[in-house]
PDB file of N, CA and C in Angstrom:
ATOM      1  N   MET A   1       4.713  -5.278  12.240  1.00  0.00           N
ATOM      2  CA  MET A   1       4.474  -4.206  12.338  1.00  0.00           C
ATOM      3  C   MET A   1       2.772  -3.667  11.935  1.00  0.00           C
ATOM      4  N   PHE A   2       2.553  -4.444  10.748  1.00  0.00           N
ATOM      5  CA  PHE A   2       0.861  -4.003  10.766  1.00  0.00           C
ATOM      6  C   PHE A   2       0.292  -5.322  10.875  1.00  0.00           C
ATOM      7  N   LYS A   3      -0.838  -5.311  11.737  1.00  0.00           N
ATOM      8  CA  LYS A   3      -1.479  -6.387  12.090  1.00  0.00           C
ATOM      9  C   LYS A   3      -2.074  -6.983  10.495  1.00  0.00           C
ATOM     10  N   LYS A   4      -2.669  -8.086  10.573  1.00  0.00           N
ATOM     11  CA  LYS A   4      -3.279  -8.585   9.671  1.00  0.00           C
ATOM     12  C   LYS A   4      -4.744  -8.060   9.258  1.00  0.00           C
ATOM     13  N   MET A   5      -4.647  -7.635   8.245  1.00  0.00           N
ATOM     14  CA  MET A   5      -5.969  -6.860   7.851  1.00  0.00           C
ATOM     15  C   MET A   5      -7.460  -8.104   7.380  1.00  0.00           C
ATOM     16  N   LYS A   6      -8.506  -7.714   7.575  1.00  0.00           N
ATOM     17  CA  LYS A   6      -9.493  -8.275   6.927  1.00  0.00           C
ATOM     18  C   LYS A   6      -9.900  -7.880   5.714  1.00  0.00           C
ATOM     19  N   TYR A   7      -9.630  -6.860   5.326  1.00  0.00           N
ATOM     20  CA  TYR A   7     -10.047  -6.074   4.069  1.00  0.00           C
ATOM     21  C   TYR A   7      -8.775  -5.884   3.170  1.00  0.00           C
ATOM     22  N   THR A   8      -8.039  -6.903   2.980  1.00  0.00           N
ATOM     23  CA  THR A   8      -6.854  -6.822   2.233  1.00  0.00           C
ATOM     24  C   THR A   8      -7.039  -6.153   0.861  1.00  0.00           C
ATOM     25  N   LYS A   9      -7.783  -6.790  -0.100  1.00  0.00           N
ATOM     26  CA  LYS A   9      -8.017  -6.519  -1.253  1.00  0.00           C
ATOM     27  C   LYS A   9      -8.470  -5.007  -1.318  1.00  0.00           C
ATOM     28  N   GLU A  10      -9.489  -4.557  -0.712  1.00  0.00           N
ATOM     29  CA  GLU A  10      -9.827  -3.039  -0.669  1.00  0.00           C
ATOM     30  C   GLU A  10      -8.812  -2.318  -0.146  1.00  0.00           C
ATOM     31  N   TYR A  11      -8.157  -2.600   0.648  1.00  0.00           N
ATOM     32  CA  TYR A  11      -6.713  -1.785   1.082  1.00  0.00           C
ATOM     33  C   TYR A  11      -5.923  -1.789   0.252  1.00  0.00           C
ATOM     34  N   GLN A  12      -5.535  -2.756  -0.783  1.00  0.00           N
ATOM     35  CA  GLN A  12      -4.767  -2.448  -1.751  1.00  0.00           C
ATOM     36  C   GLN A  12      -5.193  -1.485  -2.748  1.00  0.00           C
ATOM     37  N   LYS A  13      -6.455  -1.736  -3.319  1.00  0.00           N
ATOM     38  CA  LYS A  13      -7.074  -0.994  -4.330  1.00  0.00           C
ATOM     39  C   LYS A  13      -6.901   0.770  -3.936  1.00  0.00           C
ATOM     40  N   ASP A  14      -7.395   0.891  -2.403  1.00  0.00           N
ATOM     41  CA  ASP A  14      -7.296   2.159  -2.348  1.00  0.00           C
ATOM     42  C   ASP A  14      -5.965   2.710  -2.284  1.00  0.00           C
ATOM     43  N   LEU A  15      -5.190   1.702  -1.727  1.00  0.00           N
ATOM     44  CA  LEU A  15      -3.642   2.542  -1.574  1.00  0.00           C
ATOM     45  C   LEU A  15      -2.989   2.730  -2.962  1.00  0.00           C
ATOM     46  N   PHE A  16      -3.272   1.752  -4.071  1.00  0.00           N
ATOM     47  CA  PHE A  16      -2.925   2.005  -5.194  1.00  0.00           C
ATOM     48  C   PHE A  16      -3.501   3.057  -6.182  1.00  0.00           C
ATOM     49  N   ARG A  17      -4.742   3.360  -5.588  1.00  0.00           N
ATOM     50  CA  ARG A  17      -5.208   4.734  -6.211  1.00  0.00           C
ATOM     51  C   ARG A  17      -4.656   5.951  -5.766  1.00  0.00           C
ATOM     52  N   ALA A  18      -4.091   5.909  -4.593  1.00  0.00           N
ATOM     53  CA  ALA A  18      -3.900   7.229  -4.020  1.00  0.00           C
ATOM     54  C   ALA A  18      -2.645   7.850  -4.362  1.00  0.00           C
ATOM     55  N   PRO A  19      -2.712   8.860  -4.910  1.00  0.00           N
ATOM     56  CA  PRO A  19      -1.616  10.017  -5.561  1.00  0.00           C
ATOM     57  C   PRO A  19      -0.643  10.154  -4.666  1.00  0.00           C
ATOM     58  N   THR A  20      -1.147  10.454  -3.189  1.00  0.00           N
ATOM     59  CA  THR A  20      -0.236  10.946  -2.464  1.00  0.00           C
ATOM     60  C   THR A  20       0.679   9.757  -2.177  1.00  0.00           C
ATOM     61  N   PHE A  21       0.205   8.260  -2.360  1.00  0.00           N
ATOM     62  CA  PHE A  21       1.191   7.310  -2.047  1.00  0.00           C
ATOM     63  C   PHE A  21       2.321   7.068  -3.259  1.00  0.00           C
ATOM     64  N   TRP A  22       2.200   7.240  -4.322  1.00  0.00           N
ATOM     65  CA  TRP A  22       2.804   7.263  -5.706  1.00  0.00           C
ATOM     66  C   TRP A  22       3.808   8.190  -5.438  1.00  0.00           C
ATOM     67  N   LEU A  23       3.403   9.560  -5.004  1.00  0.00           N
ATOM     68  CA  LEU A  23       4.352  10.709  -4.855  1.00  0.00           C
ATOM     69  C   LEU A  23       5.238  10.429  -3.815  1.00  0.00           C
ATOM     70  N   GLY A  24       4.947  10.099  -2.679  1.00  0.00           N
ATOM     71  CA  GLY A  24       6.062   9.175  -1.709  1.00  0.00           C
ATOM     72  C   GLY A  24       6.959   8.156  -2.252  1.00  0.00           C
ATOM     73  N   VAL A  25       6.549   7.245  -3.155  1.00  0.00           N
ATOM     74  CA  VAL A  25       7.196   6.430  -3.694  1.00  0.00           C
ATOM     75  C   VAL A  25       8.120   7.031  -4.719  1.00  0.00           C
ATOM     76  N   VAL A  26       7.804   7.666  -5.679  1.00  0.00           N
ATOM     77  CA  VAL A  26       8.723   8.594  -6.439  1.00  0.00           C
ATOM     78  C   VAL A  26       9.854   9.399  -5.641  1.00  0.00           C
ATOM     79  N   LEU A  27       9.123  10.383  -4.616  1.00  0.00           N
ATOM     80  CA  LEU A  27      10.332  10.877  -3.944  1.00  0.00           C
ATOM     81  C   LEU A  27      11.469  10.127  -3.141  1.00  0.00           C
ATOM     82  N   PHE A  28      10.733   8.887  -2.552  1.00  0.00           N
ATOM     83  CA  PHE A  28      11.686   8.119  -2.030  1.00  0.00           C
ATOM     84  C   PHE A  28      12.679   7.596  -3.003  1.00  0.00           C
ATOM     85  N   SER A  29      12.473   7.147  -3.946  1.00  0.00           N
ATOM     86  CA  SER A  29      13.276   6.727  -5.083  1.00  0.00           C
ATOM     87  C   SER A  29      14.110   7.786  -5.495  1.00  0.00           C
ATOM     88  N   LEU A  30      13.737   8.631  -5.731  1.00  0.00           N
ATOM     89  CA  LEU A  30      14.789   9.888  -6.255  1.00  0.00           C
ATOM     90  C   LEU A  30      15.738  10.097  -5.246  1.00  0.00           C
ATOM     91  N   GLY A  31      15.314  10.107  -3.930  1.00  0.00           N
ATOM     92  CA  GLY A  31      16.261  10.200  -2.637  1.00  0.00           C
ATOM     93  C   GLY A  31      17.226   8.800  -2.667  1.00  0.00           C
ATOM     94  N   VAL A  32      17.001   7.945  -2.855  1.00  0.00           N
ATOM     95  CA  VAL A  32      17.922   6.623  -3.193  1.00  0.00           C
ATOM     96  C   VAL A  32      18.809   6.988  -4.101  1.00  0.00           C
ATOM     97  N   ILE A  33      18.226   7.272  -5.287  1.00  0.00           N
ATOM     98  CA  ILE A  33      18.837   7.313  -6.718  1.00  0.00           C
ATOM     99  C   ILE A  33      19.993   8.593  -6.432  1.00  0.00           C
ATOM    100  N   PHE A  34      19.582   9.674  -5.931  1.00  0.00           N
ATOM    101  CA  PHE A  34      20.783  10.663  -5.666  1.00  0.00           C
ATOM    102  C   PHE A  34      21.723  10.474  -4.773  1.00  0.00           C
ATOM    103  N   SER A  35      21.297   9.539  -3.569  1.00  0.00           N
ATOM    104  CA  SER A  35      22.324   8.772  -2.486  1.00  0.00           C
ATOM    105  C   SER A  35      23.083   8.044  -3.347  1.00  0.00           C
ATOM    106  N   PHE A  36      23.050   7.275  -4.344  1.00  0.00           N
ATOM    107  CA  PHE A  36      23.763   6.543  -5.043  1.00  0.00           C
ATOM    108  C   PHE A  36      24.665   7.413  -6.047  1.00  0.00           C
ATOM    109  N   LEU A  37      24.233   8.436  -6.235  1.00  0.00           N
ATOM    110  CA  LEU A  37      24.872   9.325  -7.202  1.00  0.00           C
ATOM    111  C   LEU A  37      26.188  10.316  -6.283  1.00  0.00           C
ATOM    112  N   GLU A  38      25.973  10.382  -4.998  1.00  0.00           N
ATOM    113  CA  GLU A  38      26.963  10.968  -4.091  1.00  0.00           C
ATOM    114  C   GLU A  38      26.629  12.326  -4.267  1.00  0.00           C
ATOM    115  N   VAL A  39      25.289  12.982  -4.446  1.00  0.00           N
ATOM    116  CA  VAL A  39      24.843  14.191  -4.569  1.00  0.00           C
ATOM    117  C   VAL A  39      24.948  14.675  -2.745  1.00  0.00           C
ATOM    118  N   SER A  40      25.037  16.261  -2.763  1.00  0.00           N
ATOM    119  CA  SER A  40      25.022  16.358  -1.441  1.00  0.00           C
ATOM    120  C   SER A  40      23.903  15.610  -0.469  1.00  0.00           C
ATOM    121  N   LEU A  41      24.292  15.528   0.777  1.00  0.00           N
ATOM    122  CA  LEU A  41      23.279  14.895   1.844  1.00  0.00           C
ATOM    123  C   LEU A  41      21.891  15.572   2.097  1.00  0.00           C
ATOM    124  N   TRP A  42      22.140  16.696   1.916  1.00  0.00           N
ATOM    125  CA  TRP A  42      20.994  17.894   1.961  1.00  0.00           C
ATOM    126  C   TRP A  42      19.814  17.913   0.811  1.00  0.00           C
ATOM    127  N   SER A  43      20.494  17.487  -0.019  1.00  0.00           N
ATOM    128  CA  SER A  43      19.493  17.240  -1.580  1.00  0.00           C
ATOM    129  C   SER A  43      18.536  15.786  -1.375  1.00  0.00           C
ATOM    130  N   TYR A  44      19.368  14.652  -0.964  1.00  0.00           N
ATOM    131  CA  TYR A  44      18.465  13.785  -0.842  1.00  0.00           C
ATOM    132  C   TYR A  44      17.989  13.225   0.486  1.00  0.00           C
ATOM    133  N   LEU A  45      18.339  13.703   1.395  1.00  0.00           N
ATOM    134  CA  LEU A  45      18.144  13.259   2.444  1.00  0.00           C
ATOM    135  C   LEU A  45      16.460  13.835   2.736  1.00  0.00           C
ATOM    136  N   PRO A  46      16.109  15.052   2.688  1.00  0.00           N
ATOM    137  CA  PRO A  46      14.767  15.538   2.838  1.00  0.00           C
ATOM    138  C   PRO A  46      13.782  14.595   1.692  1.00  0.00           C
ATOM    139  N   LEU A  47      14.153  14.311   0.544  1.00  0.00           N
ATOM    140  CA  LEU A  47      13.402  13.430  -0.334  1.00  0.00           C
ATOM    141  C   LEU A  47      12.924  12.281   0.167  1.00  0.00           C
ATOM    142  N   MET A  48      14.100  11.623   0.651  1.00  0.00           N
ATOM    143  CA  MET A  48      13.919  10.417   1.271  1.00  0.00           C
ATOM    144  C   MET A  48      12.591  10.501   2.699  1.00  0.00           C
ATOM    145  N   ILE A  49      13.014  11.641   3.388  1.00  0.00           N
ATOM    146  CA  ILE A  49      12.131  11.680   4.548  1.00  0.00           C
ATOM    147  C   ILE A  49      10.819  11.900   4.221  1.00  0.00           C
ATOM    148  N   VAL A  50      10.447  12.882   3.350  1.00  0.00           N
ATOM    149  CA  VAL A  50       9.307  13.273   2.815  1.00  0.00           C
ATOM    150  C   VAL A  50       8.483  11.919   2.246  1.00  0.00           C
ATOM    151  N   GLY A  51       9.347  11.410   1.367  1.00  0.00           N
ATOM    152  CA  GLY A  51       8.798  10.193   0.463  1.00  0.00           C
ATOM    153  C   GLY A  51       8.108   9.110   1.706  1.00  0.00           C
ATOM    154  N   LEU A  52       9.106   8.730   2.697  1.00  0.00           N
ATOM    155  CA  LEU A  52       8.382   7.896   3.759  1.00  0.00           C
ATOM    156  C   LEU A  52       7.498   8.479   4.326  1.00  0.00           C
ATOM    157  N   PHE A  53       7.303   9.778   4.771  1.00  0.00           N
ATOM    158  CA  PHE A  53       6.238  10.490   5.273  1.00  0.00           C
ATOM    159  C   PHE A  53       5.041  10.072   4.658  1.00  0.00           C
ATOM    160  N   LEU A  54       4.982  10.565   3.193  1.00  0.00           N
ATOM    161  CA  LEU A  54       3.799  10.444   2.705  1.00  0.00           C
ATOM    162  C   LEU A  54       3.194   9.173   2.369  1.00  0.00           C
ATOM    163  N   ILE A  55       4.332   7.875   2.382  1.00  0.00           N
ATOM    164  CA  ILE A  55       4.016   6.587   1.846  1.00  0.00           C
ATOM    165  C   ILE A  55       3.138   6.062   3.357  1.00  0.00           C
ATOM    166  N   PHE A  56       3.771   6.352   4.560  1.00  0.00           N
ATOM    167  CA  PHE A  56       3.277   6.066   6.007  1.00  0.00           C
ATOM    168  C   PHE A  56       1.908   6.611   6.110  1.00  0.00           C
ATOM    169  N   THR A  57       1.966   7.696   6.103  1.00  0.00           N
ATOM    170  CA  THR A  57       0.359   8.434   6.332  1.00  0.00           C
ATOM    171  C   THR A  57      -0.607   8.164   5.360  1.00  0.00           C
ATOM    172  N   THR A  58      -0.340   7.859   4.239  1.00  0.00           N
ATOM    173  CA  THR A  58      -1.577   7.432   3.283  1.00  0.00           C
ATOM    174  C   THR A  58      -1.859   6.133   3.633  1.00  0.00           C
ATOM    175  N   LYS A  59      -0.749   5.124   4.124  1.00  0.00           N
ATOM    176  CA  LYS A  59      -1.245   3.802   4.487  1.00  0.00           C
ATOM    177  C   LYS A  59      -2.257   4.134   5.965  1.00  0.00           C
ATOM    178  N   TYR A  60      -1.736   4.741   6.798  1.00  0.00           N
ATOM    179  CA  TYR A  60      -2.645   4.895   7.933  1.00  0.00           C
ATOM    180  C   TYR A  60      -3.932   5.485   7.826  1.00  0.00           C
ATOM    181  N   ARG A  61      -3.704   6.417   7.025  1.00  0.00           N
ATOM    182  CA  ARG A  61      -5.241   7.293   6.686  1.00  0.00           C
ATOM    183  C   ARG A  61      -6.072   6.284   5.957  1.00  0.00           C
ATOM    184  N   ILE A  62      -5.897   5.419   4.877  1.00  0.00           N
ATOM    185  CA  ILE A  62      -6.700   4.227   4.366  1.00  0.00           C
ATOM    186  C   ILE A  62      -7.017   3.268   5.216  1.00  0.00           C
ATOM    187  N   MET A  63      -6.392   3.024   6.208  1.00  0.00           N
ATOM    188  CA  MET A  63      -6.610   2.217   7.409  1.00  0.00           C
ATOM    189  C   MET A  63      -7.605   2.785   8.284  1.00  0.00           C
ATOM    190  N   GLY A  64      -7.519   3.818   8.247  1.00  0.00           N
ATOM    191  CA  GLY A  64      -8.922   4.522   9.312  1.00  0.00           C
ATOM    192  C   GLY A  64      -9.763   4.585   8.563  1.00  0.00           C
ATOM    193  N   ARG A  65      -9.847   5.051   7.175  1.00  0.00           N
ATOM    194  CA  ARG A  65     -11.150   4.941   6.505  1.00  0.00           C
ATOM    195  C   ARG A  65     -11.617   3.692   6.427  1.00  0.00           C
ATOM    196  N   LEU A  66     -10.779   2.526   6.157  1.00  0.00           N
ATOM    197  CA  LEU A  66     -11.356   1.159   5.832  1.00  0.00           C
ATOM    198  C   LEU A  66     -12.210   0.870   7.401  1.00  0.00           C
ATOM    199  N   ASP A  67     -11.423   1.166   8.364  1.00  0.00           N
ATOM    200  CA  ASP A  67     -11.932   0.949   9.880  1.00  0.00           C
ATOM    201  C   ASP A  67     -13.390   1.401   9.896  1.00  0.00           C
ATOM    202  N   GLU A  68     -13.674   3.044   9.608  1.00  0.00           N
ATOM    203  CA  GLU A  68     -14.851   3.350   9.688  1.00  0.00           C
ATOM    204  C   GLU A  68     -15.651   3.232   8.633  1.00  0.00           C
ATOM    205  N   ARG A  69     -15.443   2.807   7.646  1.00  0.00           N
ATOM    206  CA  ARG A  69     -16.438   2.227   6.701  1.00  0.00           C
ATOM    207  C   ARG A  69     -16.996   1.008   7.027  1.00  0.00           C
ATOM    208  N   HIS A  70     -16.054   0.188   7.879  1.00  0.00           N
ATOM    209  CA  HIS A  70     -16.712  -1.441   8.045  1.00  0.00           C
ATOM    210  C   HIS A  70     -17.295  -1.568   9.294  1.00  0.00           C
ATOM    211  N   LYS A  71     -17.444  -0.543  10.151  1.00  0.00           N
ATOM    212  CA  LYS A  71     -17.877  -0.572  11.755  1.00  0.00           C
ATOM    213  C   LYS A  71     -19.396  -0.710  11.696  1.00  0.00           C
TER     214      LYS A  71
END
C-alpha cells in the first residue's frame, strides 16, 4: 500500500507527534471496544470510520509535507 520511504525516521517522528493521529487511534480503539461490548451499531461505526479517516489523512499529510521539504 505504501511505497518504501526515504525518510522513514523523520516520518515516524512527525507521525507520533501529530495529535490528530493519536485522536484517530483512540477513536478507532473505542469503536473496537464498543463493538465487542455489542453496543448499538450506530454508536461504534462512526467512531471507527472517523478514527480511520483521521489516521490516514494524517499519514498522507505528513508524507506530502516530507515530499515538499525534501524537494
